[in-house]
PDB file of N, CA and C in Angstrom:
ATOM      1  N   UNK A   1      53.214 -40.272  12.887  1.00  0.00           N
ATOM      2  CA  UNK A   1      53.123 -41.581  13.485  1.00  0.00           C
ATOM      3  C   UNK A   1      52.777 -41.434  14.963  1.00  0.00           C
ATOM      4  N   UNK A   2      51.823 -42.217  15.423  1.00  0.00           N
ATOM      5  CA  UNK A   2      51.401 -42.158  16.815  1.00  0.00           C
ATOM      6  C   UNK A   2      52.317 -43.031  17.663  1.00  0.00           C
ATOM      7  N   UNK A   3      52.782 -42.474  18.777  1.00  0.00           N
ATOM      8  CA  UNK A   3      53.639 -43.190  19.705  1.00  0.00           C
ATOM      9  C   UNK A   3      52.796 -44.238  20.442  1.00  0.00           C
ATOM     10  N   UNK A   4      53.101 -45.521  20.225  1.00  0.00           N
ATOM     11  CA  UNK A   4      52.315 -46.609  20.821  1.00  0.00           C
ATOM     12  C   UNK A   4      52.386 -46.578  22.344  1.00  0.00           C
ATOM     13  N   UNK A   5      53.544 -46.171  22.883  1.00  0.00           N
ATOM     14  CA  UNK A   5      53.675 -46.068  24.342  1.00  0.00           C
ATOM     15  C   UNK A   5      52.712 -45.041  24.912  1.00  0.00           C
ATOM     16  N   UNK A   6      52.542 -43.930  24.199  1.00  0.00           N
ATOM     17  CA  UNK A   6      51.604 -42.892  24.633  1.00  0.00           C
ATOM     18  C   UNK A   6      50.175 -43.409  24.566  1.00  0.00           C
ATOM     19  N   UNK A   7      49.848 -44.141  23.518  1.00  0.00           N
ATOM     20  CA  UNK A   7      48.506 -44.715  23.382  1.00  0.00           C
ATOM     21  C   UNK A   7      48.212 -45.647  24.559  1.00  0.00           C
ATOM     22  N   UNK A   8      49.159 -46.500  24.893  1.00  0.00           N
ATOM     23  CA  UNK A   8      48.975 -47.436  26.012  1.00  0.00           C
ATOM     24  C   UNK A   8      48.809 -46.672  27.324  1.00  0.00           C
ATOM     25  N   UNK A   9      49.642 -45.660  27.527  1.00  0.00           N
ATOM     26  CA  UNK A   9      49.571 -44.849  28.745  1.00  0.00           C
ATOM     27  C   UNK A   9      48.200 -44.177  28.871  1.00  0.00           C
ATOM     28  N   UNK A  10      47.736 -43.548  27.788  1.00  0.00           N
ATOM     29  CA  UNK A  10      46.436 -42.872  27.810  1.00  0.00           C
ATOM     30  C   UNK A  10      45.298 -43.876  27.969  1.00  0.00           C
ATOM     31  N   UNK A  11      45.425 -45.033  27.314  1.00  0.00           N
ATOM     32  CA  UNK A  11      44.395 -46.074  27.403  1.00  0.00           C
ATOM     33  C   UNK A  11      44.227 -46.518  28.859  1.00  0.00           C
ATOM     34  N   UNK A  12      45.336 -46.770  29.518  1.00  0.00           N
ATOM     35  CA  UNK A  12      45.280 -47.200  30.917  1.00  0.00           C
ATOM     36  C   UNK A  12      44.761 -46.085  31.819  1.00  0.00           C
ATOM     37  N   UNK A  13      45.226 -44.879  31.582  1.00  0.00           N
ATOM     38  CA  UNK A  13      44.802 -43.728  32.385  1.00  0.00           C
ATOM     39  C   UNK A  13      43.286 -43.499  32.271  1.00  0.00           C
ATOM     40  N   UNK A  14      42.747 -43.708  31.087  1.00  0.00           N
ATOM     41  CA  UNK A  14      41.321 -43.476  30.826  1.00  0.00           C
ATOM     42  C   UNK A  14      40.482 -44.743  31.001  1.00  0.00           C
ATOM     43  N   UNK A  15      41.114 -45.799  31.482  1.00  0.00           N
ATOM     44  CA  UNK A  15      40.441 -47.080  31.731  1.00  0.00           C
ATOM     45  C   UNK A  15      39.740 -47.622  30.481  1.00  0.00           C
ATOM     46  N   UNK A  16      40.375 -47.423  29.323  1.00  0.00           N
ATOM     47  CA  UNK A  16      39.868 -47.992  28.074  1.00  0.00           C
ATOM     48  C   UNK A  16      38.664 -47.291  27.479  1.00  0.00           C
ATOM     49  N   UNK A  17      38.362 -46.102  27.969  1.00  0.00           N
ATOM     50  CA  UNK A  17      37.184 -45.361  27.489  1.00  0.00           C
ATOM     51  C   UNK A  17      37.603 -44.106  26.730  1.00  0.00           C
ATOM     52  N   UNK A  18      36.767 -43.703  25.780  1.00  0.00           N
ATOM     53  CA  UNK A  18      36.993 -42.440  25.073  1.00  0.00           C
ATOM     54  C   UNK A  18      36.922 -41.300  26.085  1.00  0.00           C
ATOM     55  N   UNK A  19      37.809 -40.357  25.956  1.00  0.00           N
ATOM     56  CA  UNK A  19      37.889 -39.231  26.885  1.00  0.00           C
ATOM     57  C   UNK A  19      36.587 -38.438  26.934  1.00  0.00           C
ATOM     58  N   UNK A  20      35.889 -38.338  25.821  1.00  0.00           N
ATOM     59  CA  UNK A  20      34.697 -37.495  25.754  1.00  0.00           C
ATOM     60  C   UNK A  20      33.388 -38.266  25.920  1.00  0.00           C
ATOM     61  N   UNK A  21      33.167 -39.289  25.112  1.00  0.00           N
ATOM     62  CA  UNK A  21      31.861 -39.970  25.129  1.00  0.00           C
ATOM     63  C   UNK A  21      31.869 -41.244  25.976  1.00  0.00           C
ATOM     64  N   UNK A  22      33.038 -41.669  26.421  1.00  0.00           N
ATOM     65  CA  UNK A  22      33.210 -42.830  27.294  1.00  0.00           C
ATOM     66  C   UNK A  22      32.819 -44.161  26.638  1.00  0.00           C
ATOM     67  N   UNK A  23      32.830 -44.196  25.303  1.00  0.00           N
ATOM     68  CA  UNK A  23      32.584 -45.478  24.644  1.00  0.00           C
ATOM     69  C   UNK A  23      33.793 -46.386  24.874  1.00  0.00           C
ATOM     70  N   UNK A  24      33.616 -47.662  24.668  1.00  0.00           N
ATOM     71  CA  UNK A  24      34.661 -48.657  24.872  1.00  0.00           C
ATOM     72  C   UNK A  24      35.621 -48.646  23.688  1.00  0.00           C
ATOM     73  N   UNK A  25      36.841 -48.203  23.909  1.00  0.00           N
ATOM     74  CA  UNK A  25      37.820 -48.103  22.826  1.00  0.00           C
ATOM     75  C   UNK A  25      38.268 -49.467  22.322  1.00  0.00           C
ATOM     76  N   UNK A  26      38.220 -50.472  23.162  1.00  0.00           N
ATOM     77  CA  UNK A  26      38.596 -51.815  22.738  1.00  0.00           C
ATOM     78  C   UNK A  26      37.628 -52.321  21.672  1.00  0.00           C
ATOM     79  N   UNK A  27      36.346 -52.029  21.829  1.00  0.00           N
ATOM     80  CA  UNK A  27      35.356 -52.432  20.827  1.00  0.00           C
ATOM     81  C   UNK A  27      35.646 -51.776  19.480  1.00  0.00           C
ATOM     82  N   UNK A  28      36.044 -50.495  19.511  1.00  0.00           N
ATOM     83  CA  UNK A  28      36.385 -49.800  18.269  1.00  0.00           C
ATOM     84  C   UNK A  28      37.618 -50.453  17.633  1.00  0.00           C
ATOM     85  N   UNK A  29      38.626 -50.744  18.434  1.00  0.00           N
ATOM     86  CA  UNK A  29      39.859 -51.349  17.923  1.00  0.00           C
ATOM     87  C   UNK A  29      39.585 -52.724  17.312  1.00  0.00           C
ATOM     88  N   UNK A  30      38.679 -53.491  17.928  1.00  0.00           N
ATOM     89  CA  UNK A  30      38.329 -54.816  17.403  1.00  0.00           C
ATOM     90  C   UNK A  30      37.700 -54.707  16.012  1.00  0.00           C
ATOM     91  N   UNK A  31      37.062 -53.572  15.722  1.00  0.00           N
ATOM     92  CA  UNK A  31      36.432 -53.360  14.422  1.00  0.00           C
ATOM     93  C   UNK A  31      37.385 -52.667  13.446  1.00  0.00           C
ATOM     94  N   UNK A  32      38.675 -52.621  13.811  1.00  0.00           N
ATOM     95  CA  UNK A  32      39.711 -51.960  13.005  1.00  0.00           C
ATOM     96  C   UNK A  32      39.434 -50.480  12.792  1.00  0.00           C
ATOM     97  N   UNK A  33      38.765 -49.864  13.751  1.00  0.00           N
ATOM     98  CA  UNK A  33      38.544 -48.419  13.711  1.00  0.00           C
ATOM     99  C   UNK A  33      39.712 -47.791  14.456  1.00  0.00           C
ATOM    100  N   UNK A  34      40.483 -46.929  13.792  1.00  0.00           N
ATOM    101  CA  UNK A  34      41.666 -46.374  14.455  1.00  0.00           C
ATOM    102  C   UNK A  34      41.302 -45.472  15.624  1.00  0.00           C
ATOM    103  N   UNK A  35      42.105 -45.556  16.678  1.00  0.00           N
ATOM    104  CA  UNK A  35      41.947 -44.656  17.811  1.00  0.00           C
ATOM    105  C   UNK A  35      42.667 -43.360  17.491  1.00  0.00           C
ATOM    106  N   UNK A  36      42.252 -42.299  18.136  1.00  0.00           N
ATOM    107  CA  UNK A  36      42.828 -40.986  17.866  1.00  0.00           C
ATOM    108  C   UNK A  36      43.358 -40.377  19.156  1.00  0.00           C
ATOM    109  N   UNK A  37      44.396 -39.571  19.012  1.00  0.00           N
ATOM    110  CA  UNK A  37      44.881 -38.768  20.123  1.00  0.00           C
ATOM    111  C   UNK A  37      44.466 -37.338  19.841  1.00  0.00           C
ATOM    112  N   UNK A  38      43.768 -36.753  20.799  1.00  0.00           N
ATOM    113  CA  UNK A  38      43.229 -35.402  20.639  1.00  0.00           C
ATOM    114  C   UNK A  38      43.942 -34.430  21.577  1.00  0.00           C
ATOM    115  N   UNK A  39      44.050 -33.196  21.136  1.00  0.00           N
ATOM    116  CA  UNK A  39      44.529 -32.119  22.003  1.00  0.00           C
ATOM    117  C   UNK A  39      43.306 -31.579  22.743  1.00  0.00           C
ATOM    118  N   UNK A  40      43.268 -31.736  24.049  1.00  0.00           N
ATOM    119  CA  UNK A  40      42.127 -31.286  24.836  1.00  0.00           C
ATOM    120  C   UNK A  40      41.927 -29.788  24.631  1.00  0.00           C
ATOM    121  N   UNK A  41      42.987 -29.030  24.792  1.00  0.00           N
ATOM    122  CA  UNK A  41      42.964 -27.604  24.429  1.00  0.00           C
ATOM    123  C   UNK A  41      43.588 -27.548  23.042  1.00  0.00           C
ATOM    124  N   UNK A  42      42.798 -27.165  22.025  1.00  0.00           N
ATOM    125  CA  UNK A  42      43.298 -27.213  20.646  1.00  0.00           C
ATOM    126  C   UNK A  42      44.603 -26.442  20.448  1.00  0.00           C
ATOM    127  N   UNK A  43      45.410 -26.949  19.533  1.00  0.00           N
ATOM    128  CA  UNK A  43      46.695 -26.309  19.238  1.00  0.00           C
ATOM    129  C   UNK A  43      46.511 -24.870  18.787  1.00  0.00           C
ATOM    130  N   UNK A  44      45.435 -24.605  18.019  1.00  0.00           N
ATOM    131  CA  UNK A  44      45.231 -23.235  17.542  1.00  0.00           C
ATOM    132  C   UNK A  44      44.733 -22.304  18.649  1.00  0.00           C
ATOM    133  N   UNK A  45      44.479 -22.869  19.822  1.00  0.00           N
ATOM    134  CA  UNK A  45      44.112 -22.055  20.994  1.00  0.00           C
ATOM    135  C   UNK A  45      45.196 -22.173  22.058  1.00  0.00           C
ATOM    136  N   UNK A  46      46.410 -22.367  21.576  1.00  0.00           N
ATOM    137  CA  UNK A  46      47.625 -22.424  22.387  1.00  0.00           C
ATOM    138  C   UNK A  46      47.733 -23.663  23.270  1.00  0.00           C
ATOM    139  N   UNK A  47      47.122 -24.758  22.843  1.00  0.00           N
ATOM    140  CA  UNK A  47      47.291 -26.026  23.543  1.00  0.00           C
ATOM    141  C   UNK A  47      48.566 -26.695  23.070  1.00  0.00           C
ATOM    142  N   UNK A  48      49.286 -27.297  23.979  1.00  0.00           N
ATOM    143  CA  UNK A  48      50.564 -27.911  23.635  1.00  0.00           C
ATOM    144  C   UNK A  48      50.468 -29.410  23.451  1.00  0.00           C
ATOM    145  N   UNK A  49      51.629 -30.015  23.228  1.00  0.00           N
ATOM    146  CA  UNK A  49      51.725 -31.459  23.012  1.00  0.00           C
ATOM    147  C   UNK A  49      52.073 -32.230  24.274  1.00  0.00           C
ATOM    148  N   UNK A  50      52.018 -31.582  25.433  1.00  0.00           N
ATOM    149  CA  UNK A  50      52.344 -32.281  26.669  1.00  0.00           C
ATOM    150  C   UNK A  50      51.258 -33.300  26.998  1.00  0.00           C
ATOM    151  N   UNK A  51      51.659 -34.337  27.699  1.00  0.00           N
ATOM    152  CA  UNK A  51      50.749 -35.443  28.001  1.00  0.00           C
ATOM    153  C   UNK A  51      49.453 -34.984  28.672  1.00  0.00           C
ATOM    154  N   UNK A  52      49.528 -33.983  29.536  1.00  0.00           N
ATOM    155  CA  UNK A  52      48.333 -33.497  30.245  1.00  0.00           C
ATOM    156  C   UNK A  52      47.298 -32.896  29.289  1.00  0.00           C
ATOM    157  N   UNK A  53      47.724 -32.526  28.087  1.00  0.00           N
ATOM    158  CA  UNK A  53      46.801 -31.932  27.115  1.00  0.00           C
ATOM    159  C   UNK A  53      46.381 -32.934  26.043  1.00  0.00           C
ATOM    160  N   UNK A  54      46.755 -34.183  26.193  1.00  0.00           N
ATOM    161  CA  UNK A  54      46.417 -35.198  25.192  1.00  0.00           C
ATOM    162  C   UNK A  54      45.435 -36.206  25.758  1.00  0.00           C
ATOM    163  N   UNK A  55      44.523 -36.649  24.912  1.00  0.00           N
ATOM    164  CA  UNK A  55      43.526 -37.631  25.329  1.00  0.00           C
ATOM    165  C   UNK A  55      43.311 -38.626  24.205  1.00  0.00           C
ATOM    166  N   UNK A  56      43.056 -39.874  24.576  1.00  0.00           N
ATOM    167  CA  UNK A  56      42.736 -40.913  23.609  1.00  0.00           C
ATOM    168  C   UNK A  56      41.228 -40.866  23.371  1.00  0.00           C
ATOM    169  N   UNK A  57      40.848 -40.792  22.102  1.00  0.00           N
ATOM    170  CA  UNK A  57      39.428 -40.651  21.772  1.00  0.00           C
ATOM    171  C   UNK A  57      39.026 -41.638  20.685  1.00  0.00           C
ATOM    172  N   UNK A  58      37.728 -41.827  20.575  1.00  0.00           N
ATOM    173  CA  UNK A  58      37.205 -42.588  19.451  1.00  0.00           C
ATOM    174  C   UNK A  58      37.280 -41.693  18.212  1.00  0.00           C
ATOM    175  N   UNK A  59      37.193 -42.305  17.070  1.00  0.00           N
ATOM    176  CA  UNK A  59      37.262 -41.568  15.801  1.00  0.00           C
ATOM    177  C   UNK A  59      36.168 -40.506  15.736  1.00  0.00           C
ATOM    178  N   UNK A  60      34.965 -40.902  16.146  1.00  0.00           N
ATOM    179  CA  UNK A  60      33.838 -39.985  16.050  1.00  0.00           C
ATOM    180  C   UNK A  60      34.084 -38.709  16.839  1.00  0.00           C
ATOM    181  N   UNK A  61      34.492 -38.830  18.089  1.00  0.00           N
ATOM    182  CA  UNK A  61      34.687 -37.643  18.926  1.00  0.00           C
ATOM    183  C   UNK A  61      35.796 -36.751  18.379  1.00  0.00           C
ATOM    184  N   UNK A  62      36.897 -37.351  17.975  1.00  0.00           N
ATOM    185  CA  UNK A  62      37.997 -36.529  17.477  1.00  0.00           C
ATOM    186  C   UNK A  62      37.606 -35.785  16.204  1.00  0.00           C
ATOM    187  N   UNK A  63      36.894 -36.443  15.312  1.00  0.00           N
ATOM    188  CA  UNK A  63      36.497 -35.805  14.056  1.00  0.00           C
ATOM    189  C   UNK A  63      35.421 -34.737  14.282  1.00  0.00           C
ATOM    190  N   UNK A  64      34.535 -34.974  15.214  1.00  0.00           N
ATOM    191  CA  UNK A  64      33.462 -34.017  15.474  1.00  0.00           C
ATOM    192  C   UNK A  64      33.931 -32.828  16.300  1.00  0.00           C
ATOM    193  N   UNK A  65      34.965 -33.019  17.102  1.00  0.00           N
ATOM    194  CA  UNK A  65      35.428 -31.959  18.003  1.00  0.00           C
ATOM    195  C   UNK A  65      36.037 -30.788  17.241  1.00  0.00           C
ATOM    196  N   UNK A  66      36.770 -31.081  16.188  1.00  0.00           N
ATOM    197  CA  UNK A  66      37.461 -30.040  15.422  1.00  0.00           C
ATOM    198  C   UNK A  66      38.320 -29.197  16.350  1.00  0.00           C
ATOM    199  N   UNK A  67      38.132 -27.870  16.341  1.00  0.00           N
ATOM    200  CA  UNK A  67      38.957 -27.003  17.182  1.00  0.00           C
ATOM    201  C   UNK A  67      38.181 -26.464  18.386  1.00  0.00           C
ATOM    202  N   UNK A  68      37.150 -27.187  18.802  1.00  0.00           N
ATOM    203  CA  UNK A  68      36.394 -26.774  19.982  1.00  0.00           C
ATOM    204  C   UNK A  68      37.203 -27.080  21.250  1.00  0.00           C
ATOM    205  N   UNK A  69      36.964 -26.301  22.277  1.00  0.00           N
ATOM    206  CA  UNK A  69      37.553 -26.614  23.575  1.00  0.00           C
ATOM    207  C   UNK A  69      36.772 -27.778  24.173  1.00  0.00           C
ATOM    208  N   UNK A  70      37.289 -28.347  25.242  1.00  0.00           N
ATOM    209  CA  UNK A  70      36.604 -29.460  25.904  1.00  0.00           C
ATOM    210  C   UNK A  70      35.202 -29.029  26.332  1.00  0.00           C
ATOM    211  N   UNK A  71      35.097 -27.864  26.932  1.00  0.00           N
ATOM    212  CA  UNK A  71      33.805 -27.362  27.413  1.00  0.00           C
ATOM    213  C   UNK A  71      32.821 -27.184  26.256  1.00  0.00           C
ATOM    214  N   UNK A  72      33.293 -26.570  25.167  1.00  0.00           N
ATOM    215  CA  UNK A  72      32.436 -26.359  23.991  1.00  0.00           C
ATOM    216  C   UNK A  72      31.981 -27.689  23.398  1.00  0.00           C
ATOM    217  N   UNK A  73      32.901 -28.645  23.320  1.00  0.00           N
ATOM    218  CA  UNK A  73      32.564 -29.928  22.715  1.00  0.00           C
ATOM    219  C   UNK A  73      31.587 -30.718  23.574  1.00  0.00           C
ATOM    220  N   UNK A  74      31.803 -30.737  24.885  1.00  0.00           N
ATOM    221  CA  UNK A  74      30.881 -31.470  25.761  1.00  0.00           C
ATOM    222  C   UNK A  74      29.475 -30.874  25.693  1.00  0.00           C
ATOM    223  N   UNK A  75      29.387 -29.567  25.557  1.00  0.00           N
ATOM    224  CA  UNK A  75      28.082 -28.918  25.384  1.00  0.00           C
ATOM    225  C   UNK A  75      27.453 -29.350  24.056  1.00  0.00           C
ATOM    226  N   UNK A  76      28.282 -29.409  23.024  1.00  0.00           N
ATOM    227  CA  UNK A  76      27.838 -29.784  21.686  1.00  0.00           C
ATOM    228  C   UNK A  76      27.295 -31.212  21.634  1.00  0.00           C
ATOM    229  N   UNK A  77      27.973 -32.139  22.338  1.00  0.00           N
ATOM    230  CA  UNK A  77      27.563 -33.543  22.244  1.00  0.00           C
ATOM    231  C   UNK A  77      26.588 -33.972  23.333  1.00  0.00           C
ATOM    232  N   UNK A  78      26.222 -33.059  24.218  1.00  0.00           N
ATOM    233  CA  UNK A  78      25.309 -33.429  25.308  1.00  0.00           C
ATOM    234  C   UNK A  78      24.060 -34.161  24.821  1.00  0.00           C
ATOM    235  N   UNK A  79      23.354 -33.685  23.773  1.00  0.00           N
ATOM    236  CA  UNK A  79      22.170 -34.425  23.310  1.00  0.00           C
ATOM    237  C   UNK A  79      22.492 -35.832  22.821  1.00  0.00           C
ATOM    238  N   UNK A  80      23.687 -36.023  22.303  1.00  0.00           N
ATOM    239  CA  UNK A  80      24.098 -37.330  21.803  1.00  0.00           C
ATOM    240  C   UNK A  80      24.425 -38.258  22.965  1.00  0.00           C
ATOM    241  N   UNK A  81      25.070 -37.721  23.996  1.00  0.00           N
ATOM    242  CA  UNK A  81      25.404 -38.522  25.171  1.00  0.00           C
ATOM    243  C   UNK A  81      24.158 -38.899  25.956  1.00  0.00           C
ATOM    244  N   UNK A  82      23.172 -38.006  25.943  1.00  0.00           N
ATOM    245  CA  UNK A  82      21.914 -38.270  26.649  1.00  0.00           C
ATOM    246  C   UNK A  82      21.027 -39.252  25.896  1.00  0.00           C
ATOM    247  N   UNK A  83      21.453 -39.648  24.686  1.00  0.00           N
ATOM    248  CA  UNK A  83      20.694 -40.608  23.897  1.00  0.00           C
ATOM    249  C   UNK A  83      19.514 -40.006  23.161  1.00  0.00           C
ATOM    250  N   UNK A  84      19.424 -38.679  23.147  1.00  0.00           N
ATOM    251  CA  UNK A  84      18.315 -38.019  22.455  1.00  0.00           C
ATOM    252  C   UNK A  84      18.501 -38.032  20.945  1.00  0.00           C
ATOM    253  N   UNK A  85      19.761 -38.123  20.509  1.00  0.00           N
ATOM    254  CA  UNK A  85      20.088 -38.119  19.084  1.00  0.00           C
ATOM    255  C   UNK A  85      21.173 -39.164  18.848  1.00  0.00           C
ATOM    256  N   UNK A  86      21.094 -39.878  17.727  1.00  0.00           N
ATOM    257  CA  UNK A  86      22.116 -40.853  17.370  1.00  0.00           C
ATOM    258  C   UNK A  86      23.407 -40.120  17.033  1.00  0.00           C
ATOM    259  N   UNK A  87      24.500 -40.518  17.671  1.00  0.00           N
ATOM    260  CA  UNK A  87      25.752 -39.788  17.468  1.00  0.00           C
ATOM    261  C   UNK A  87      26.243 -39.838  16.034  1.00  0.00           C
ATOM    262  N   UNK A  88      25.835 -40.818  15.256  1.00  0.00           N
ATOM    263  CA  UNK A  88      26.315 -40.904  13.876  1.00  0.00           C
ATOM    264  C   UNK A  88      25.516 -40.020  12.926  1.00  0.00           C
ATOM    265  N   UNK A  89      24.575 -39.238  13.450  1.00  0.00           N
ATOM    266  CA  UNK A  89      23.848 -38.286  12.620  1.00  0.00           C
ATOM    267  C   UNK A  89      24.548 -36.936  12.526  1.00  0.00           C
ATOM    268  N   UNK A  90      25.653 -36.761  13.224  1.00  0.00           N
ATOM    269  CA  UNK A  90      26.351 -35.481  13.201  1.00  0.00           C
ATOM    270  C   UNK A  90      26.881 -35.166  11.807  1.00  0.00           C
ATOM    271  N   UNK A  91      26.732 -33.934  11.397  1.00  0.00           N
ATOM    272  CA  UNK A  91      27.193 -33.534  10.065  1.00  0.00           C
ATOM    273  C   UNK A  91      28.708 -33.673   9.934  1.00  0.00           C
ATOM    274  N   UNK A  92      29.457 -33.419  11.006  1.00  0.00           N
ATOM    275  CA  UNK A  92      30.912 -33.544  10.932  1.00  0.00           C
ATOM    276  C   UNK A  92      31.313 -34.985  10.646  1.00  0.00           C
ATOM    277  N   UNK A  93      30.615 -35.928  11.248  1.00  0.00           N
ATOM    278  CA  UNK A  93      30.955 -37.329  11.011  1.00  0.00           C
ATOM    279  C   UNK A  93      30.641 -37.710   9.569  1.00  0.00           C
ATOM    280  N   UNK A  94      29.540 -37.192   9.036  1.00  0.00           N
ATOM    281  CA  UNK A  94      29.200 -37.479   7.642  1.00  0.00           C
ATOM    282  C   UNK A  94      30.269 -36.899   6.712  1.00  0.00           C
ATOM    283  N   UNK A  95      30.749 -35.692   7.027  1.00  0.00           N
ATOM    284  CA  UNK A  95      31.812 -35.080   6.227  1.00  0.00           C
ATOM    285  C   UNK A  95      33.072 -35.944   6.304  1.00  0.00           C
ATOM    286  N   UNK A  96      33.378 -36.425   7.512  1.00  0.00           N
ATOM    287  CA  UNK A  96      34.558 -37.266   7.684  1.00  0.00           C
ATOM    288  C   UNK A  96      34.445 -38.531   6.842  1.00  0.00           C
ATOM    289  N   UNK A  97      33.280 -39.171   6.885  1.00  0.00           N
ATOM    290  CA  UNK A  97      33.095 -40.398   6.120  1.00  0.00           C
ATOM    291  C   UNK A  97      33.257 -40.140   4.625  1.00  0.00           C
ATOM    292  N   UNK A  98      32.759 -39.008   4.151  1.00  0.00           N
ATOM    293  CA  UNK A  98      32.902 -38.653   2.739  1.00  0.00           C
ATOM    294  C   UNK A  98      34.379 -38.485   2.379  1.00  0.00           C
ATOM    295  N   UNK A  99      35.114 -37.752   3.223  1.00  0.00           N
ATOM    296  CA  UNK A  99      36.543 -37.552   2.982  1.00  0.00           C
ATOM    297  C   UNK A  99      37.293 -38.875   3.036  1.00  0.00           C
ATOM    298  N   UNK A 100      36.946 -39.691   4.010  1.00  0.00           N
ATOM    299  CA  UNK A 100      37.617 -40.978   4.172  1.00  0.00           C
ATOM    300  C   UNK A 100      37.438 -41.833   2.918  1.00  0.00           C
ATOM    301  N   UNK A 101      36.229 -41.830   2.391  1.00  0.00           N
ATOM    302  CA  UNK A 101      35.944 -42.613   1.173  1.00  0.00           C
ATOM    303  C   UNK A 101      36.716 -42.027  -0.015  1.00  0.00           C
ATOM    304  N   UNK A 102      36.718 -40.684  -0.120  1.00  0.00           N
ATOM    305  CA  UNK A 102      37.380 -40.013  -1.233  1.00  0.00           C
ATOM    306  C   UNK A 102      38.884 -40.306  -1.259  1.00  0.00           C
ATOM    307  N   UNK A 103      39.501 -40.259  -0.083  1.00  0.00           N
ATOM    308  CA  UNK A 103      40.947 -40.440  -0.012  1.00  0.00           C
ATOM    309  C   UNK A 103      41.356 -41.863   0.358  1.00  0.00           C
ATOM    310  N   UNK A 104      40.399 -42.781   0.378  1.00  0.00           N
ATOM    311  CA  UNK A 104      40.648 -44.218   0.591  1.00  0.00           C
ATOM    312  C   UNK A 104      41.590 -44.511   1.733  1.00  0.00           C
ATOM    313  N   UNK A 105      41.223 -44.016   2.926  1.00  0.00           N
ATOM    314  CA  UNK A 105      41.976 -44.366   4.110  1.00  0.00           C
ATOM    315  C   UNK A 105      43.143 -43.462   4.443  1.00  0.00           C
ATOM    316  N   UNK A 106      43.401 -42.446   3.634  1.00  0.00           N
ATOM    317  CA  UNK A 106      44.522 -41.551   3.938  1.00  0.00           C
ATOM    318  C   UNK A 106      44.178 -40.569   5.039  1.00  0.00           C
ATOM    319  N   UNK A 107      42.894 -40.282   5.223  1.00  0.00           N
ATOM    320  CA  UNK A 107      42.465 -39.359   6.275  1.00  0.00           C
ATOM    321  C   UNK A 107      42.270 -40.150   7.543  1.00  0.00           C
ATOM    322  N   UNK A 108      42.923 -39.727   8.623  1.00  0.00           N
ATOM    323  CA  UNK A 108      42.791 -40.402   9.920  1.00  0.00           C
ATOM    324  C   UNK A 108      42.545 -39.385  10.984  1.00  0.00           C
TER     325      UNK A 108
END
């Protein structure tokens, strides 16, 4: 269960934008797209659960990031942020959508 107080704190700290792609998180929430809390330094790379290592992200960024570090992920999405490629063409997002459909909303 996501701590709503933490979500509000991160939302205000990030001025309502996704930590990585800077999309408007309020627009995602209005479409009933769940927001995600990401570990900036992945847990499997010794990242902890402290607030400084947590970021509020859009579904797309969190699902596409996997266990990449912030630096690796920003390099990965640079063409998408520059508008050279549609961000919804990423293979990770397609995999996520397939899983989401298969498990009917259990995957978040």
